[in-house]
PDB file of N, CA and C in Angstrom:
ATOM      1  N   MET A   1     190.546  59.965 135.547  1.00  0.00           N
ATOM      2  CA  MET A   1     190.107  59.185 136.743  1.00  0.00           C
ATOM      3  C   MET A   1     189.965  58.424 138.219  1.00  0.00           C
ATOM      4  N   GLU A   2     189.013  59.100 138.532  1.00  0.00           N
ATOM      5  CA  GLU A   2     188.175  59.168 140.192  1.00  0.00           C
ATOM      6  C   GLU A   2     188.650  57.957 140.745  1.00  0.00           C
ATOM      7  N   ASN A   3     188.251  58.075 142.243  1.00  0.00           N
ATOM      8  CA  ASN A   3     188.748  57.011 142.874  1.00  0.00           C
ATOM      9  C   ASN A   3     186.719  55.923 143.246  1.00  0.00           C
ATOM     10  N   PRO A   4     186.614  55.395 142.884  1.00  0.00           N
ATOM     11  CA  PRO A   4     185.088  55.008 142.955  1.00  0.00           C
ATOM     12  C   PRO A   4     184.700  54.560 144.268  1.00  0.00           C
ATOM     13  N   VAL A   5     185.706  54.565 145.647  1.00  0.00           N
ATOM     14  CA  VAL A   5     185.397  54.221 147.108  1.00  0.00           C
ATOM     15  C   VAL A   5     185.298  55.088 147.233  1.00  0.00           C
ATOM     16  N   ILE A   6     185.692  56.714 147.240  1.00  0.00           N
ATOM     17  CA  ILE A   6     185.734  57.997 147.655  1.00  0.00           C
ATOM     18  C   ILE A   6     184.484  58.355 147.048  1.00  0.00           C
ATOM     19  N   ASN A   7     184.014  58.320 146.168  1.00  0.00           N
ATOM     20  CA  ASN A   7     182.690  58.481 145.092  1.00  0.00           C
ATOM     21  C   ASN A   7     181.738  57.308 145.608  1.00  0.00           C
ATOM     22  N   GLY A   8     182.102  56.814 146.084  1.00  0.00           N
ATOM     23  CA  GLY A   8     180.465  56.105 146.937  1.00  0.00           C
ATOM     24  C   GLY A   8     180.253  56.422 147.646  1.00  0.00           C
ATOM     25  N   LEU A   9     181.637  56.833 148.380  1.00  0.00           N
ATOM     26  CA  LEU A   9     181.528  57.543 150.622  1.00  0.00           C
ATOM     27  C   LEU A   9     180.800  59.122 150.464  1.00  0.00           C
ATOM     28  N   TYR A  10     181.724  59.540 148.966  1.00  0.00           N
ATOM     29  CA  TYR A  10     180.789  60.648 148.741  1.00  0.00           C
ATOM     30  C   TYR A  10     178.847  61.047 149.426  1.00  0.00           C
ATOM     31  N   VAL A  11     178.787  60.001 147.924  1.00  0.00           N
ATOM     32  CA  VAL A  11     177.199  59.152 147.778  1.00  0.00           C
ATOM     33  C   VAL A  11     176.794  59.524 148.999  1.00  0.00           C
ATOM     34  N   LEU A  12     177.343  58.285 149.470  1.00  0.00           N
ATOM     35  CA  LEU A  12     176.849  57.568 150.666  1.00  0.00           C
ATOM     36  C   LEU A  12     176.530  58.600 152.023  1.00  0.00           C
ATOM     37  N   VAL A  13     177.378  59.798 152.482  1.00  0.00           N
ATOM     38  CA  VAL A  13     177.425  61.063 153.098  1.00  0.00           C
ATOM     39  C   VAL A  13     176.012  61.492 152.858  1.00  0.00           C
ATOM     40  N   LEU A  14     176.540  62.701 152.186  1.00  0.00           N
ATOM     41  CA  LEU A  14     175.369  62.948 150.888  1.00  0.00           C
ATOM     42  C   LEU A  14     174.014  62.594 150.870  1.00  0.00           C
ATOM     43  N   GLY A  15     173.102  61.682 150.595  1.00  0.00           N
ATOM     44  CA  GLY A  15     172.478  61.258 150.419  1.00  0.00           C
ATOM     45  C   GLY A  15     172.452  61.462 152.242  1.00  0.00           C
ATOM     46  N   MET A  16     173.177  60.700 153.366  1.00  0.00           N
ATOM     47  CA  MET A  16     172.420  60.294 154.724  1.00  0.00           C
ATOM     48  C   MET A  16     171.994  61.964 155.407  1.00  0.00           C
ATOM     49  N   ILE A  17     173.025  62.778 154.731  1.00  0.00           N
ATOM     50  CA  ILE A  17     172.630  63.896 155.013  1.00  0.00           C
ATOM     51  C   ILE A  17     171.728  65.207 154.828  1.00  0.00           C
ATOM     52  N   VAL A  18     171.389  64.652 153.153  1.00  0.00           N
ATOM     53  CA  VAL A  18     170.058  65.186 152.736  1.00  0.00           C
ATOM     54  C   VAL A  18     168.610  64.777 153.633  1.00  0.00           C
ATOM     55  N   ILE A  19     168.874  63.268 153.451  1.00  0.00           N
ATOM     56  CA  ILE A  19     167.594  61.564 154.380  1.00  0.00           C
ATOM     57  C   ILE A  19     167.299  63.160 155.492  1.00  0.00           C
ATOM     58  N   PHE A  20     168.410  62.336 156.463  1.00  0.00           N
ATOM     59  CA  PHE A  20     168.076  63.343 157.897  1.00  0.00           C
ATOM     60  C   PHE A  20     168.041  64.476 157.768  1.00  0.00           C
ATOM     61  N   SER A  21     168.050  65.546 156.856  1.00  0.00           N
ATOM     62  CA  SER A  21     167.496  66.831 156.643  1.00  0.00           C
ATOM     63  C   SER A  21     166.409  67.144 156.193  1.00  0.00           C
ATOM     64  N   GLY A  22     165.952  66.251 155.809  1.00  0.00           N
ATOM     65  CA  GLY A  22     164.021  66.152 155.311  1.00  0.00           C
ATOM     66  C   GLY A  22     163.214  65.683 155.885  1.00  0.00           C
ATOM     67  N   MET A  23     163.829  64.427 156.629  1.00  0.00           N
ATOM     68  CA  MET A  23     163.228  64.114 157.651  1.00  0.00           C
ATOM     69  C   MET A  23     162.541  65.507 159.105  1.00  0.00           C
ATOM     70  N   LEU A  24     163.649  65.823 159.256  1.00  0.00           N
ATOM     71  CA  LEU A  24     164.148  66.998 160.368  1.00  0.00           C
ATOM     72  C   LEU A  24     163.137  68.481 159.833  1.00  0.00           C
ATOM     73  N   VAL A  25     162.421  68.485 158.434  1.00  0.00           N
ATOM     74  CA  VAL A  25     162.527  69.581 158.236  1.00  0.00           C
ATOM     75  C   VAL A  25     160.905  68.778 157.846  1.00  0.00           C
ATOM     76  N   ILE A  26     160.437  67.865 157.938  1.00  0.00           N
ATOM     77  CA  ILE A  26     158.595  66.885 158.502  1.00  0.00           C
ATOM     78  C   ILE A  26     158.405  67.236 159.740  1.00  0.00           C
ATOM     79  N   ILE A  27     159.766  66.370 160.876  1.00  0.00           N
ATOM     80  CA  ILE A  27     159.376  66.741 161.882  1.00  0.00           C
ATOM     81  C   ILE A  27     158.828  67.325 162.413  1.00  0.00           C
ATOM     82  N   LEU A  28     159.450  68.520 162.646  1.00  0.00           N
ATOM     83  CA  LEU A  28     159.022  69.853 162.778  1.00  0.00           C
ATOM     84  C   LEU A  28     158.098  70.588 162.162  1.00  0.00           C
ATOM     85  N   SER A  29     157.494  70.508 160.665  1.00  0.00           N
ATOM     86  CA  SER A  29     156.302  71.259 160.278  1.00  0.00           C
ATOM     87  C   SER A  29     155.347  70.072 160.913  1.00  0.00           C
ATOM     88  N   VAL A  30     155.622  68.851 161.357  1.00  0.00           N
ATOM     89  CA  VAL A  30     154.833  68.445 161.787  1.00  0.00           C
ATOM     90  C   VAL A  30     154.159  69.076 163.480  1.00  0.00           C
ATOM     91  N   THR A  31     155.667  68.993 164.259  1.00  0.00           N
ATOM     92  CA  THR A  31     155.116  69.290 165.273  1.00  0.00           C
ATOM     93  C   THR A  31     155.054  70.572 165.832  1.00  0.00           C
ATOM     94  N   ILE A  32     154.742  72.038 164.678  1.00  0.00           N
ATOM     95  CA  ILE A  32     154.686  72.736 164.841  1.00  0.00           C
ATOM     96  C   ILE A  32     153.273  72.926 164.735  1.00  0.00           C
ATOM     97  N   CYS A  33     152.389  72.359 163.099  1.00  0.00           N
ATOM     98  CA  CYS A  33     151.005  71.944 163.292  1.00  0.00           C
ATOM     99  C   CYS A  33     150.394  71.884 164.102  1.00  0.00           C
ATOM    100  N   GLY A  34     150.828  71.024 164.607  1.00  0.00           N
ATOM    101  CA  GLY A  34     150.608  70.064 165.257  1.00  0.00           C
ATOM    102  C   GLY A  34     150.001  71.307 166.420  1.00  0.00           C
ATOM    103  N   LYS A  35     150.698  71.498 167.539  1.00  0.00           N
ATOM    104  CA  LYS A  35     150.782  72.875 168.679  1.00  0.00           C
ATOM    105  C   LYS A  35     149.596  74.210 168.218  1.00  0.00           C
ATOM    106  N   ILE A  36     149.402  74.438 167.086  1.00  0.00           N
ATOM    107  CA  ILE A  36     148.531  74.688 166.541  1.00  0.00           C
ATOM    108  C   ILE A  36     147.538  74.570 166.226  1.00  0.00           C
ATOM    109  N   ILE A  37     147.245  73.474 165.908  1.00  0.00           N
ATOM    110  CA  ILE A  37     145.622  72.967 165.804  1.00  0.00           C
ATOM    111  C   ILE A  37     145.310  72.623 167.128  1.00  0.00           C
ATOM    112  N   GLY A  38     146.309  71.528 167.278  1.00  0.00           N
ATOM    113  CA  GLY A  38     146.201  71.287 169.591  1.00  0.00           C
ATOM    114  C   GLY A  38     145.450  72.045 170.480  1.00  0.00           C
ATOM    115  N   THR A  39     146.061  73.304 170.052  1.00  0.00           N
ATOM    116  CA  THR A  39     145.624  73.811 171.242  1.00  0.00           C
ATOM    117  C   THR A  39     144.124  73.616 172.825  1.00  0.00           C
ATOM    118  N   GLY A  40     143.146  73.675 171.333  1.00  0.00           N
ATOM    119  CA  GLY A  40     141.552  73.565 172.433  1.00  0.00           C
ATOM    120  C   GLY A  40     141.448  71.843 173.132  1.00  0.00           C
ATOM    121  N   LYS A  41     141.912  71.374 172.473  1.00  0.00           N
ATOM    122  CA  LYS A  41     141.810  69.408 172.762  1.00  0.00           C
ATOM    123  C   LYS A  41     142.550  69.562 174.294  1.00  0.00           C
ATOM    124  N   LYS A  42     143.779  70.278 174.784  1.00  0.00           N
ATOM    125  CA  LYS A  42     144.468  70.271 176.290  1.00  0.00           C
ATOM    126  C   LYS A  42     143.818  70.846 177.316  1.00  0.00           C
ATOM    127  N   GLU A  43     141.865  71.714 176.657  1.00  0.00           N
ATOM    128  CA  GLU A  43     141.187  72.492 177.740  1.00  0.00           C
ATOM    129  C   GLU A  43     140.254  70.862 178.523  1.00  0.00           C
ATOM    130  N   VAL A  44     139.882  70.049 177.783  1.00  0.00           N
ATOM    131  CA  VAL A  44     139.155  69.248 177.952  1.00  0.00           C
ATOM    132  C   VAL A  44     139.642  67.969 178.583  1.00  0.00           C
ATOM    133  N   LYS A  45     141.159  67.491 178.286  1.00  0.00           N
ATOM    134  CA  LYS A  45     141.643  66.445 178.683  1.00  0.00           C
ATOM    135  C   LYS A  45     141.872  67.243 180.322  1.00  0.00           C
ATOM    136  N   LYS A  46     142.057  68.543 180.799  1.00  0.00           N
ATOM    137  CA  LYS A  46     141.758  68.785 182.235  1.00  0.00           C
ATOM    138  C   LYS A  46     140.730  68.625 182.374  1.00  0.00           C
ATOM    139  N   GLU A  47     139.784  69.085 181.947  1.00  0.00           N
ATOM    140  CA  GLU A  47     137.979  68.748 183.085  1.00  0.00           C
ATOM    141  C   GLU A  47     137.944  67.511 182.903  1.00  0.00           C
ATOM    142  N   GLU A  48     138.059  66.761 182.126  1.00  0.00           N
ATOM    143  CA  GLU A  48     137.967  64.793 182.177  1.00  0.00           C
ATOM    144  C   GLU A  48     139.072  64.213 183.322  1.00  0.00           C
ATOM    145  N   VAL A  49     140.086  64.809 183.381  1.00  0.00           N
ATOM    146  CA  VAL A  49     140.934  64.554 184.883  1.00  0.00           C
ATOM    147  C   VAL A  49     140.222  65.329 186.232  1.00  0.00           C
ATOM    148  N   VAL A  50     139.227  66.713 186.164  1.00  0.00           N
ATOM    149  CA  VAL A  50     138.688  67.331 187.308  1.00  0.00           C
ATOM    150  C   VAL A  50     137.375  66.622 187.485  1.00  0.00           C
ATOM    151  N   VAL A  51     136.584  65.745 187.017  1.00  0.00           N
ATOM    152  CA  VAL A  51     135.367  65.550 186.697  1.00  0.00           C
ATOM    153  C   VAL A  51     135.417  64.401 187.300  1.00  0.00           C
ATOM    154  N   THR A  52     136.952  63.189 186.832  1.00  0.00           N
ATOM    155  CA  THR A  52     137.433  61.752 186.971  1.00  0.00           C
ATOM    156  C   THR A  52     137.955  61.798 188.139  1.00  0.00           C
ATOM    157  N   GLN A  53     138.311  62.900 189.025  1.00  0.00           N
ATOM    158  CA  GLN A  53     138.682  63.006 190.402  1.00  0.00           C
ATOM    159  C   GLN A  53     137.773  63.524 191.363  1.00  0.00           C
ATOM    160  N   GLN A  54     136.316  63.834 190.856  1.00  0.00           N
ATOM    161  CA  GLN A  54     135.376  64.533 191.440  1.00  0.00           C
ATOM    162  C   GLN A  54     134.528  63.339 191.704  1.00  0.00           C
ATOM    163  N   VAL A  55     134.611  62.387 190.949  1.00  0.00           N
ATOM    164  CA  VAL A  55     133.235  61.239 191.106  1.00  0.00           C
ATOM    165  C   VAL A  55     134.462  60.268 191.955  1.00  0.00           C
ATOM    166  N   VAL A  56     135.467  60.770 191.885  1.00  0.00           N
ATOM    167  CA  VAL A  56     136.344  58.808 193.708  1.00  0.00           C
ATOM    168  C   VAL A  56     136.196  59.695 194.653  1.00  0.00           C
ATOM    169  N   GLU A  57     136.292  61.002 194.530  1.00  0.00           N
ATOM    170  CA  GLU A  57     136.193  61.646 195.948  1.00  0.00           C
ATOM    171  C   GLU A  57     135.266  61.311 196.521  1.00  0.00           C
ATOM    172  N   GLN A  58     134.111  61.375 195.841  1.00  0.00           N
ATOM    173  CA  GLN A  58     132.186  61.353 196.245  1.00  0.00           C
ATOM    174  C   GLN A  58     132.172  59.784 196.848  1.00  0.00           C
ATOM    175  N   GLN A  59     132.765  59.266 196.382  1.00  0.00           N
ATOM    176  CA  GLN A  59     133.111  57.448 196.677  1.00  0.00           C
ATOM    177  C   GLN A  59     133.467  57.312 198.544  1.00  0.00           C
ATOM    178  N   PRO A  60     132.481  56.951 198.839  1.00  0.00           N
ATOM    179  CA  PRO A  60     132.456  56.305 200.201  1.00  0.00           C
ATOM    180  C   PRO A  60     133.499  55.630 200.854  1.00  0.00           C
ATOM    181  N   GLU A  61     134.695  55.052 201.064  1.00  0.00           N
ATOM    182  CA  GLU A  61     136.121  54.581 201.064  1.00  0.00           C
ATOM    183  C   GLU A  61     135.551  52.483 201.792  1.00  0.00           C
ATOM    184  N   ASN A  62     134.434  53.238 202.654  1.00  0.00           N
ATOM    185  CA  ASN A  62     133.791  51.443 203.005  1.00  0.00           C
ATOM    186  C   ASN A  62     133.406  49.924 202.146  1.00  0.00           C
ATOM    187  N   GLU A  63     133.082  51.115 200.771  1.00  0.00           N
ATOM    188  CA  GLU A  63     132.116  49.839 199.997  1.00  0.00           C
ATOM    189  C   GLU A  63     133.222  48.846 199.833  1.00  0.00           C
ATOM    190  N   GLU A  64     132.636  47.455 198.578  1.00  0.00           N
ATOM    191  CA  GLU A  64     132.914  46.351 198.995  1.00  0.00           C
ATOM    192  C   GLU A  64     133.011  46.518 197.623  1.00  0.00           C
ATOM    193  N   ILE A  65     133.317  47.492 196.490  1.00  0.00           N
ATOM    194  CA  ILE A  65     133.347  47.485 195.198  1.00  0.00           C
ATOM    195  C   ILE A  65     134.396  47.264 194.760  1.00  0.00           C
ATOM    196  N   PRO A  66     134.476  46.059 194.616  1.00  0.00           N
ATOM    197  CA  PRO A  66     136.725  46.060 194.336  1.00  0.00           C
ATOM    198  C   PRO A  66     136.622  47.491 192.681  1.00  0.00           C
ATOM    199  N   ALA A  67     138.485  47.794 193.209  1.00  0.00           N
ATOM    200  CA  ALA A  67     139.097  48.815 192.417  1.00  0.00           C
ATOM    201  C   ALA A  67     138.534  48.790 190.540  1.00  0.00           C
ATOM    202  N   HIS A  68     138.585  47.160 189.885  1.00  0.00           N
ATOM    203  CA  HIS A  68     138.389  47.877 188.466  1.00  0.00           C
ATOM    204  C   HIS A  68     137.035  47.911 188.583  1.00  0.00           C
ATOM    205  N   ILE A  69     136.444  47.846 189.238  1.00  0.00           N
ATOM    206  CA  ILE A  69     134.525  47.629 188.639  1.00  0.00           C
ATOM    207  C   ILE A  69     134.554  49.135 188.694  1.00  0.00           C
ATOM    208  N   LYS A  70     134.691  49.223 189.991  1.00  0.00           N
ATOM    209  CA  LYS A  70     134.613  51.393 190.112  1.00  0.00           C
ATOM    210  C   LYS A  70     135.699  51.795 189.232  1.00  0.00           C
ATOM    211  N   ALA A  71     136.657  51.497 188.156  1.00  0.00           N
ATOM    212  CA  ALA A  71     137.725  52.299 187.072  1.00  0.00           C
ATOM    213  C   ALA A  71     136.594  52.522 185.940  1.00  0.00           C
ATOM    214  N   ALA A  72     135.651  51.353 185.575  1.00  0.00           N
ATOM    215  CA  ALA A  72     134.885  50.474 184.391  1.00  0.00           C
ATOM    216  C   ALA A  72     133.944  51.789 184.504  1.00  0.00           C
ATOM    217  N   ILE A  73     133.087  52.001 185.866  1.00  0.00           N
ATOM    218  CA  ILE A  73     132.067  52.939 185.932  1.00  0.00           C
ATOM    219  C   ILE A  73     132.133  53.820 185.731  1.00  0.00           C
ATOM    220  N   ILE A  74     133.847  54.857 186.354  1.00  0.00           N
ATOM    221  CA  ILE A  74     133.545  56.071 185.853  1.00  0.00           C
ATOM    222  C   ILE A  74     134.399  55.974 184.804  1.00  0.00           C
ATOM    223  N   ALA A  75     134.538  55.263 184.257  1.00  0.00           N
ATOM    224  CA  ALA A  75     135.064  55.340 182.451  1.00  0.00           C
ATOM    225  C   ALA A  75     133.930  55.035 181.797  1.00  0.00           C
ATOM    226  N   ALA A  76     132.974  54.151 181.757  1.00  0.00           N
ATOM    227  CA  ALA A  76     131.129  54.620 181.453  1.00  0.00           C
ATOM    228  C   ALA A  76     130.727  55.933 181.668  1.00  0.00           C
ATOM    229  N   ILE A  77     131.162  56.511 182.563  1.00  0.00           N
ATOM    230  CA  ILE A  77     130.394  57.472 182.532  1.00  0.00           C
ATOM    231  C   ILE A  77     131.175  58.300 182.294  1.00  0.00           C
ATOM    232  N   SER A  78     132.285  58.815 182.409  1.00  0.00           N
ATOM    233  CA  SER A  78     133.102  59.641 181.396  1.00  0.00           C
ATOM    234  C   SER A  78     132.929  60.065 180.317  1.00  0.00           C
ATOM    235  N   ALA A  79     133.181  58.794 179.514  1.00  0.00           N
ATOM    236  CA  ALA A  79     132.840  58.259 177.946  1.00  0.00           C
ATOM    237  C   ALA A  79     131.108  58.649 177.821  1.00  0.00           C
ATOM    238  N   TYR A  80     130.361  58.759 178.348  1.00  0.00           N
ATOM    239  CA  TYR A  80     128.984  58.820 178.084  1.00  0.00           C
ATOM    240  C   TYR A  80     128.683  60.350 177.994  1.00  0.00           C
ATOM    241  N   TYR A  81     129.528  61.129 179.321  1.00  0.00           N
ATOM    242  CA  TYR A  81     129.483  62.617 179.668  1.00  0.00           C
ATOM    243  C   TYR A  81     129.996  63.923 178.378  1.00  0.00           C
ATOM    244  N   PHE A  82     130.923  62.530 177.693  1.00  0.00           N
ATOM    245  CA  PHE A  82     131.726  63.618 176.875  1.00  0.00           C
ATOM    246  C   PHE A  82     131.605  62.932 175.243  1.00  0.00           C
ATOM    247  N   ASN A  83     130.895  62.163 175.729  1.00  0.00           N
ATOM    248  CA  ASN A  83     130.194  61.915 173.463  1.00  0.00           C
ATOM    249  C   ASN A  83     129.167  62.859 173.647  1.00  0.00           C
ATOM    250  N   SER A  84     128.704  63.086 174.385  1.00  0.00           N
ATOM    251  CA  SER A  84     127.579  63.874 174.178  1.00  0.00           C
ATOM    252  C   SER A  84     128.006  65.500 173.626  1.00  0.00           C
ATOM    253  N   GLN A  85     129.050  65.692 174.132  1.00  0.00           N
ATOM    254  CA  GLN A  85     129.851  67.160 173.584  1.00  0.00           C
ATOM    255  C   GLN A  85     131.060  66.756 172.199  1.00  0.00           C
ATOM    256  N   SER A  86     131.839  65.382 171.870  1.00  0.00           N
ATOM    257  CA  SER A  86     132.372  65.408 170.858  1.00  0.00           C
ATOM    258  C   SER A  86     131.945  64.111 169.832  1.00  0.00           C
ATOM    259  N   LYS A  87     132.630  64.209 168.759  1.00  0.00           N
ATOM    260  CA  LYS A  87     132.753  63.469 167.190  1.00  0.00           C
ATOM    261  C   LYS A  87     133.131  62.192 168.104  1.00  0.00           C
ATOM    262  N   CYS A  88     132.532  60.939 168.564  1.00  0.00           N
ATOM    263  CA  CYS A  88     132.946  60.153 169.119  1.00  0.00           C
ATOM    264  C   CYS A  88     133.810  59.027 168.651  1.00  0.00           C
ATOM    265  N   ASP A  89     134.229  57.919 168.618  1.00  0.00           N
ATOM    266  CA  ASP A  89     133.792  56.229 167.711  1.00  0.00           C
ATOM    267  C   ASP A  89     133.361  55.052 168.750  1.00  0.00           C
ATOM    268  N   PHE A  90     133.618  55.359 169.701  1.00  0.00           N
ATOM    269  CA  PHE A  90     133.006  55.193 171.170  1.00  0.00           C
ATOM    270  C   PHE A  90     131.555  55.440 171.958  1.00  0.00           C
ATOM    271  N   VAL A  91     131.173  54.290 171.451  1.00  0.00           N
ATOM    272  CA  VAL A  91     129.257  54.688 173.178  1.00  0.00           C
ATOM    273  C   VAL A  91     129.096  53.418 173.622  1.00  0.00           C
ATOM    274  N   VAL A  92     128.248  53.974 174.453  1.00  0.00           N
ATOM    275  CA  VAL A  92     128.087  53.186 175.591  1.00  0.00           C
ATOM    276  C   VAL A  92     126.954  52.798 174.669  1.00  0.00           C
ATOM    277  N   LYS A  93     126.149  51.489 174.855  1.00  0.00           N
ATOM    278  CA  LYS A  93     125.382  51.462 174.549  1.00  0.00           C
ATOM    279  C   LYS A  93     124.476  50.468 176.331  1.00  0.00           C
ATOM    280  N   LYS A  94     125.263  50.223 176.470  1.00  0.00           N
ATOM    281  CA  LYS A  94     123.733  49.890 177.883  1.00  0.00           C
ATOM    282  C   LYS A  94     125.211  49.208 178.721  1.00  0.00           C
ATOM    283  N   ILE A  95     125.109  48.892 180.001  1.00  0.00           N
ATOM    284  CA  ILE A  95     126.055  48.720 181.546  1.00  0.00           C
ATOM    285  C   ILE A  95     125.580  47.617 182.002  1.00  0.00           C
ATOM    286  N   LYS A  96     125.349  46.686 181.586  1.00  0.00           N
ATOM    287  CA  LYS A  96     125.092  45.202 183.054  1.00  0.00           C
ATOM    288  C   LYS A  96     125.936  45.479 184.004  1.00  0.00           C
ATOM    289  N   ARG A  97     124.662  45.221 184.943  1.00  0.00           N
ATOM    290  CA  ARG A  97     125.363  44.572 186.163  1.00  0.00           C
ATOM    291  C   ARG A  97     125.986  43.311 186.879  1.00  0.00           C
ATOM    292  N   PHE A  98     126.847  43.050 187.135  1.00  0.00           N
ATOM    293  CA  PHE A  98     127.472  41.865 186.945  1.00  0.00           C
ATOM    294  C   PHE A  98     127.256  41.286 188.435  1.00  0.00           C
TER     295      PHE A  98
END
């Protein structure tokens, strides 16, 4: 008759190895698929950063507009500009001045 403690430890270790190796295979496959599919999206992000930097650099420094208002304006302009190029759920419908 076999020892139940040894059988339990054997099943525990074998189960952990199977689960972690399965998770590793899933993580690697998702990462590889993400790199294959997401190659074109990285270029859009670089353009977005360049556009926002240009808008910030064009603003004179002597204005009295607070920084959070400037950030909101830049975000609204970027969302409007990139909404025409891609399908996005975020849509700017109206911009109010406070």
